[in-house]
Amino acid sequence: MNIIVNGENRSFTDAMSLKSILEELCLVGKVMAAAVNMEIIKQDSWNTYTLEDGDKLELLDFVGGG
């Protein structure tokens, strides 16, 4: 399965939940928001939301500054 993660092509062995992808990329706890194909996915759905081949995943972390 191929997914575009923040503009970079990534390959995964099987269909995976959003949370599983974050775990595989070592990003659990670092990502504040996620969008799949330009649609925001609420954090309480990350365990059950399954990505499909060709999806575009954007992972965001909010940084404070001034």
C-alpha atoms as a PDB file:
ATOM      1  CA  MET A   1       0.000   0.000   0.000  1.00  0.00           C
ATOM      2  CA  ASN A   2       1.398   3.416  -0.950  1.00  0.00           C
ATOM      3  CA  ILE A   3       0.476   6.593   0.911  1.00  0.00           C
ATOM      4  CA  ILE A   4       1.800  10.101   0.458  1.00  0.00           C
ATOM      5  CA  VAL A   5       2.802  11.394   3.903  1.00  0.00           C
ATOM      6  CA  ASN A   6       3.508  15.142   3.996  1.00  0.00           C
ATOM      7  CA  GLY A   7       4.385  15.036   0.298  1.00  0.00           C
ATOM      8  CA  GLU A   8       6.663  11.982   0.535  1.00  0.00           C
ATOM      9  CA  ASN A   9       5.752   8.569  -0.902  1.00  0.00           C
ATOM     10  CA  ARG A  10       5.709   5.861   1.767  1.00  0.00           C
ATOM     11  CA  SER A  11       5.019   2.143   1.411  1.00  0.00           C
ATOM     12  CA  PHE A  12       3.229   0.061   4.028  1.00  0.00           C
ATOM     13  CA  THR A  13       2.633  -3.690   3.944  1.00  0.00           C
ATOM     14  CA  ASP A  14      -1.113  -3.697   4.654  1.00  0.00           C
ATOM     15  CA  ALA A  15      -4.063  -1.405   5.155  1.00  0.00           C
ATOM     16  CA  MET A  16      -3.377   0.346   8.438  1.00  0.00           C
ATOM     17  CA  SER A  17      -5.161   2.621  10.851  1.00  0.00           C
ATOM     18  CA  LEU A  18      -3.981   6.186  11.158  1.00  0.00           C
ATOM     19  CA  LYS A  19      -2.683   5.439  14.653  1.00  0.00           C
ATOM     20  CA  SER A  20      -0.722   2.415  13.379  1.00  0.00           C
ATOM     21  CA  ILE A  21       0.943   4.578  10.747  1.00  0.00           C
ATOM     22  CA  LEU A  22       1.901   7.143  13.388  1.00  0.00           C
ATOM     23  CA  GLU A  23       3.376   4.335  15.501  1.00  0.00           C
ATOM     24  CA  GLU A  24       5.366   2.972  12.563  1.00  0.00           C
ATOM     25  CA  LEU A  25       6.716   6.456  11.805  1.00  0.00           C
ATOM     26  CA  CYS A  26       7.543   7.023  15.519  1.00  0.00           C
ATOM     27  CA  LEU A  27       5.253  10.059  15.645  1.00  0.00           C
ATOM     28  CA  VAL A  28       2.825   9.093  18.417  1.00  0.00           C
ATOM     29  CA  GLY A  29       2.439  12.063  20.742  1.00  0.00           C
ATOM     30  CA  LYS A  30       4.144  14.416  18.284  1.00  0.00           C
ATOM     31  CA  VAL A  31       1.263  14.935  15.852  1.00  0.00           C
ATOM     32  CA  MET A  32      -1.520  17.314  16.850  1.00  0.00           C
ATOM     33  CA  ALA A  33      -3.688  17.109  13.726  1.00  0.00           C
ATOM     34  CA  ALA A  34      -4.068  14.821  10.745  1.00  0.00           C
ATOM     35  CA  ALA A  35      -5.827  15.212   7.424  1.00  0.00           C
ATOM     36  CA  VAL A  36      -6.472  12.527   4.832  1.00  0.00           C
ATOM     37  CA  ASN A  37      -7.188  13.778   1.329  1.00  0.00           C
ATOM     38  CA  MET A  38      -7.728  17.287   2.746  1.00  0.00           C
ATOM     39  CA  GLU A  39     -10.269  16.087   5.349  1.00  0.00           C
ATOM     40  CA  ILE A  40      -9.418  16.555   9.033  1.00  0.00           C
ATOM     41  CA  ILE A  41      -9.619  13.302  11.014  1.00  0.00           C
ATOM     42  CA  LYS A  42     -10.481  13.783  14.681  1.00  0.00           C
ATOM     43  CA  GLN A  43      -8.011  12.264  17.147  1.00  0.00           C
ATOM     44  CA  ASP A  44     -10.659  10.054  18.722  1.00  0.00           C
ATOM     45  CA  SER A  45     -11.025   8.324  15.304  1.00  0.00           C
ATOM     46  CA  TRP A  46      -7.315   7.661  14.692  1.00  0.00           C
ATOM     47  CA  ASN A  47      -7.551   4.106  16.089  1.00  0.00           C
ATOM     48  CA  THR A  48     -10.315   3.107  13.685  1.00  0.00           C
ATOM     49  CA  TYR A  49      -9.690   5.261  10.606  1.00  0.00           C
ATOM     50  CA  THR A  50      -8.123   3.026   7.948  1.00  0.00           C
ATOM     51  CA  LEU A  51      -6.122   4.575   5.139  1.00  0.00           C
ATOM     52  CA  GLU A  52      -6.322   3.266   1.595  1.00  0.00           C
ATOM     53  CA  ASP A  53      -3.780   2.922  -1.187  1.00  0.00           C
ATOM     54  CA  GLY A  54      -3.040   6.311  -2.734  1.00  0.00           C
ATOM     55  CA  ASP A  55      -4.340   8.419   0.169  1.00  0.00           C
ATOM     56  CA  LYS A  56      -2.609  11.709   0.907  1.00  0.00           C
ATOM     57  CA  LEU A  57      -1.872  12.095   4.616  1.00  0.00           C
ATOM     58  CA  GLU A  58      -0.843  15.424   6.116  1.00  0.00           C
ATOM     59  CA  LEU A  59       0.456  15.378   9.686  1.00  0.00           C
ATOM     60  CA  LEU A  60       0.693  18.645  11.587  1.00  0.00           C
ATOM     61  CA  ASP A  61       2.321  19.748  14.815  1.00  0.00           C
ATOM     62  CA  PHE A  62       1.601  23.177  16.235  1.00  0.00           C
ATOM     63  CA  VAL A  63       4.600  25.241  17.260  1.00  0.00           C
ATOM     64  CA  GLY A  64       4.347  28.370  19.343  1.00  0.00           C
ATOM     65  CA  GLY A  65       6.389  31.413  18.607  1.00  0.00           C
ATOM     66  CA  GLY A  66       6.237  35.080  18.077  1.00  0.00           C
END
